[in-house]
C-alpha atoms as a PDB file:
ATOM      1  CA  MET A   1      15.123  -7.513   3.312  1.00  0.00           C
ATOM      2  CA  ASP A   2      16.776  -9.349   0.373  1.00  0.00           C
ATOM      3  CA  ASN A   3      15.568  -9.166  -3.098  1.00  0.00           C
ATOM      4  CA  HIS A   4      13.570 -12.864  -3.181  1.00  0.00           C
ATOM      5  CA  GLU A   5      11.822 -11.513  -0.176  1.00  0.00           C
ATOM      6  CA  ALA A   6      10.869  -8.195  -1.556  1.00  0.00           C
ATOM      7  CA  ILE A   7       9.446  -9.716  -4.896  1.00  0.00           C
ATOM      8  CA  ALA A   8       7.562 -12.576  -2.835  1.00  0.00           C
ATOM      9  CA  PHE A   9       6.262  -9.678  -0.937  1.00  0.00           C
ATOM     10  CA  ALA A  10       5.227  -7.693  -3.933  1.00  0.00           C
ATOM     11  CA  ASP A  11       3.760 -10.433  -5.618  1.00  0.00           C
ATOM     12  CA  LYS A  12       1.562 -11.250  -2.523  1.00  0.00           C
ATOM     13  CA  TRP A  13       0.783  -7.409  -2.456  1.00  0.00           C
ATOM     14  CA  LEU A  14      -0.492  -7.662  -5.972  1.00  0.00           C
ATOM     15  CA  VAL A  15      -2.814 -10.422  -5.668  1.00  0.00           C
ATOM     16  CA  ASP A  16      -4.197  -9.209  -2.764  1.00  0.00           C
ATOM     17  CA  TRP A  17      -4.682  -5.800  -4.177  1.00  0.00           C
ATOM     18  CA  ASN A  18      -6.035  -6.983  -7.475  1.00  0.00           C
ATOM     19  CA  ASN A  19      -8.410  -9.441  -5.600  1.00  0.00           C
ATOM     20  CA  HIS A  20      -9.578  -6.496  -3.463  1.00  0.00           C
ATOM     21  CA  ASP A  21      -8.924  -9.023  -0.554  1.00  0.00           C
ATOM     22  CA  LEU A  22      -8.132  -6.413   2.577  1.00  0.00           C
ATOM     23  CA  ASP A  23      -8.029  -9.192   5.337  1.00  0.00           C
ATOM     24  CA  SER A  24      -4.793 -10.634   3.310  1.00  0.00           C
ATOM     25  CA  LEU A  25      -3.513  -7.525   2.571  1.00  0.00           C
ATOM     26  CA  LEU A  26      -3.765  -5.942   5.970  1.00  0.00           C
ATOM     27  CA  ALA A  27      -2.053  -9.481   7.366  1.00  0.00           C
ATOM     28  CA  HIS A  28       1.214  -7.732   6.169  1.00  0.00           C
ATOM     29  CA  PHE A  29       0.321  -4.533   8.579  1.00  0.00           C
ATOM     30  CA  ALA A  30       1.198  -4.138  11.995  1.00  0.00           C
ATOM     31  CA  GLU A  31      -1.570  -2.888  14.323  1.00  0.00           C
ATOM     32  CA  ASP A  32       0.238   0.597  14.774  1.00  0.00           C
ATOM     33  CA  VAL A  33       0.967   1.223  11.224  1.00  0.00           C
ATOM     34  CA  THR A  34       0.887   4.659   9.904  1.00  0.00           C
ATOM     35  CA  PHE A  35       0.284   5.321   6.156  1.00  0.00           C
ATOM     36  CA  SER A  36       0.137   8.476   4.039  1.00  0.00           C
ATOM     37  CA  SER A  37      -0.925   8.971   0.637  1.00  0.00           C
ATOM     38  CA  PRO A  38      -2.506  12.429  -1.515  1.00  0.00           C
ATOM     39  CA  VAL A  39      -5.441   9.951  -2.041  1.00  0.00           C
ATOM     40  CA  ALA A  40      -6.194   9.546   1.659  1.00  0.00           C
ATOM     41  CA  ALA A  41      -6.156  13.193   1.944  1.00  0.00           C
ATOM     42  CA  ARG A  42      -8.940  13.670  -0.713  1.00  0.00           C
ATOM     43  CA  MET A  43     -10.883  10.653   0.884  1.00  0.00           C
ATOM     44  CA  ILE A  44     -10.475  11.260   4.664  1.00  0.00           C
ATOM     45  CA  PRO A  45     -11.138  15.025   5.223  1.00  0.00           C
ATOM     46  CA  GLY A  46      -8.841  16.483   8.056  1.00  0.00           C
ATOM     47  CA  SER A  47      -6.511  13.653   7.670  1.00  0.00           C
ATOM     48  CA  GLY A  48      -3.620  15.543   6.035  1.00  0.00           C
ATOM     49  CA  GLY A  49      -3.310  12.434   4.110  1.00  0.00           C
ATOM     50  CA  VAL A  50      -2.216  10.450   7.186  1.00  0.00           C
ATOM     51  CA  VAL A  51      -3.910   7.157   8.449  1.00  0.00           C
ATOM     52  CA  SER A  52      -2.751   5.736  11.935  1.00  0.00           C
ATOM     53  CA  GLY A  53      -3.502   2.276  12.690  1.00  0.00           C
ATOM     54  CA  LYS A  54      -4.528  -0.742  11.208  1.00  0.00           C
ATOM     55  CA  ALA A  55      -8.475  -0.326  12.189  1.00  0.00           C
ATOM     56  CA  ALA A  56      -8.097   3.094  10.374  1.00  0.00           C
ATOM     57  CA  LEU A  57      -6.225   1.598   7.470  1.00  0.00           C
ATOM     58  CA  ARG A  58      -9.096  -0.602   6.967  1.00  0.00           C
ATOM     59  CA  ASP A  59     -11.650   1.965   6.889  1.00  0.00           C
ATOM     60  CA  TYR A  60      -9.502   4.035   4.476  1.00  0.00           C
ATOM     61  CA  TRP A  61      -8.998   1.040   2.069  1.00  0.00           C
ATOM     62  CA  THR A  62     -12.582   0.034   2.678  1.00  0.00           C
ATOM     63  CA  THR A  63     -13.655   3.532   1.451  1.00  0.00           C
ATOM     64  CA  ALA A  64     -11.208   3.464  -1.790  1.00  0.00           C
ATOM     65  CA  LEU A  65     -12.389   0.218  -2.898  1.00  0.00           C
ATOM     66  CA  ALA A  66     -16.038   1.338  -2.722  1.00  0.00           C
ATOM     67  CA  ARG A  67     -14.929   4.358  -4.907  1.00  0.00           C
ATOM     68  CA  MET A  68     -12.729   2.811  -7.179  1.00  0.00           C
ATOM     69  CA  PRO A  69     -14.350  -0.689  -7.714  1.00  0.00           C
ATOM     70  CA  ASP A  70     -11.863  -0.980 -10.989  1.00  0.00           C
ATOM     71  CA  LEU A  71      -8.859  -0.575  -8.909  1.00  0.00           C
ATOM     72  CA  ARG A  72      -6.449  -2.887 -10.479  1.00  0.00           C
ATOM     73  CA  PHE A  73      -2.256  -2.741 -10.213  1.00  0.00           C
ATOM     74  CA  GLU A  74       0.351  -3.879 -12.665  1.00  0.00           C
ATOM     75  CA  ILE A  75       3.969  -4.182 -10.992  1.00  0.00           C
ATOM     76  CA  LEU A  76       6.504  -2.330 -13.000  1.00  0.00           C
ATOM     77  CA  ALA A  77       9.231  -2.883 -10.838  1.00  0.00           C
ATOM     78  CA  THR A  78      10.175  -3.525  -7.126  1.00  0.00           C
ATOM     79  CA  TYR A  79      12.802  -2.353  -4.990  1.00  0.00           C
ATOM     80  CA  ALA A  80      14.689  -4.060  -1.796  1.00  0.00           C
ATOM     81  CA  GLY A  81      16.244  -1.858   1.236  1.00  0.00           C
ATOM     82  CA  ILE A  82      17.471  -2.451   4.598  1.00  0.00           C
ATOM     83  CA  ASP A  83      13.943  -2.741   6.036  1.00  0.00           C
ATOM     84  CA  THR A  84      12.386  -1.098   3.303  1.00  0.00           C
ATOM     85  CA  VAL A  85      10.525  -2.360  -0.136  1.00  0.00           C
ATOM     86  CA  VAL A  86       9.671   0.442  -2.942  1.00  0.00           C
ATOM     87  CA  ILE A  87       7.071  -1.180  -5.361  1.00  0.00           C
ATOM     88  CA  ASN A  88       6.624   0.838  -8.639  1.00  0.00           C
ATOM     89  CA  PHE A  89       3.118   0.142 -10.230  1.00  0.00           C
ATOM     90  CA  ARG A  90       0.736   1.533 -12.661  1.00  0.00           C
ATOM     91  CA  ASN A  91      -2.958   1.848 -11.580  1.00  0.00           C
ATOM     92  CA  GLN A  92      -5.929   1.184 -13.173  1.00  0.00           C
ATOM     93  CA  ASN A  93      -6.090   4.913 -14.736  1.00  0.00           C
ATOM     94  CA  GLY A  94      -2.462   4.384 -16.280  1.00  0.00           C
ATOM     95  CA  GLY A  95      -0.791   6.383 -13.363  1.00  0.00           C
ATOM     96  CA  LEU A  96       2.348   5.736 -12.036  1.00  0.00           C
ATOM     97  CA  VAL A  97       2.698   4.947  -8.518  1.00  0.00           C
ATOM     98  CA  ASN A  98       5.038   4.014  -5.661  1.00  0.00           C
ATOM     99  CA  GLU A  99       4.523   2.379  -2.500  1.00  0.00           C
ATOM    100  CA  VAL A 100       7.300   2.658   0.117  1.00  0.00           C
ATOM    101  CA  LEU A 101       6.786   0.479   2.796  1.00  0.00           C
ATOM    102  CA  THR A 102       9.061   0.077   6.045  1.00  0.00           C
ATOM    103  CA  PHE A 103       9.223  -3.148   7.912  1.00  0.00           C
ATOM    104  CA  ARG A 104       9.631  -4.238  11.681  1.00  0.00           C
ATOM    105  CA  ASP A 105       9.574  -7.903  12.659  1.00  0.00           C
ATOM    106  CA  GLY A 106       8.288  -8.915   9.339  1.00  0.00           C
ATOM    107  CA  LEU A 107       5.140  -6.399   9.090  1.00  0.00           C
ATOM    108  CA  VAL A 108       4.785  -3.162   7.685  1.00  0.00           C
ATOM    109  CA  VAL A 109       4.944  -0.209  10.364  1.00  0.00           C
ATOM    110  CA  ARG A 110       4.828   2.723   8.005  1.00  0.00           C
ATOM    111  CA  GLY A 111       4.121   3.215   4.170  1.00  0.00           C
ATOM    112  CA  HIS A 112       3.868   6.105   2.058  1.00  0.00           C
ATOM    113  CA  GLY A 113       1.841   6.043  -1.557  1.00  0.00           C
ATOM    114  CA  THR A 114       3.431   8.395  -3.922  1.00  0.00           C
ATOM    115  CA  TYR A 115       2.413   9.404  -7.227  1.00  0.00           C
ATOM    116  CA  LEU A 116       4.236  10.853 -10.461  1.00  0.00           C
ATOM    117  CA  THR A 117       3.252  14.396 -10.646  1.00  0.00           C
END
């Protein structure tokens, strides 16, 4: 993934999140995606913060958006790796977050929400 592709992905990711458009957002994720996040650990008891599969990711994000209807992100930086994009952003509460996304065949297969402690 080059810098232009990473930035284009992050720009689309931002629009989809800020519009709360889960269909568009999930179109970038593989059916067998695995996503981990401390937020998922709080919202999905017993998950250990790990969500497996696109359907489960939809359920998690639907629940999260219902609990946080004011959710909004602002991208601060985007980093491109070989098959990875890191999106550094600020959330609606002013928190600093990185989303680390690994791609296979153009789709996200693994993601990690990471938070400044």
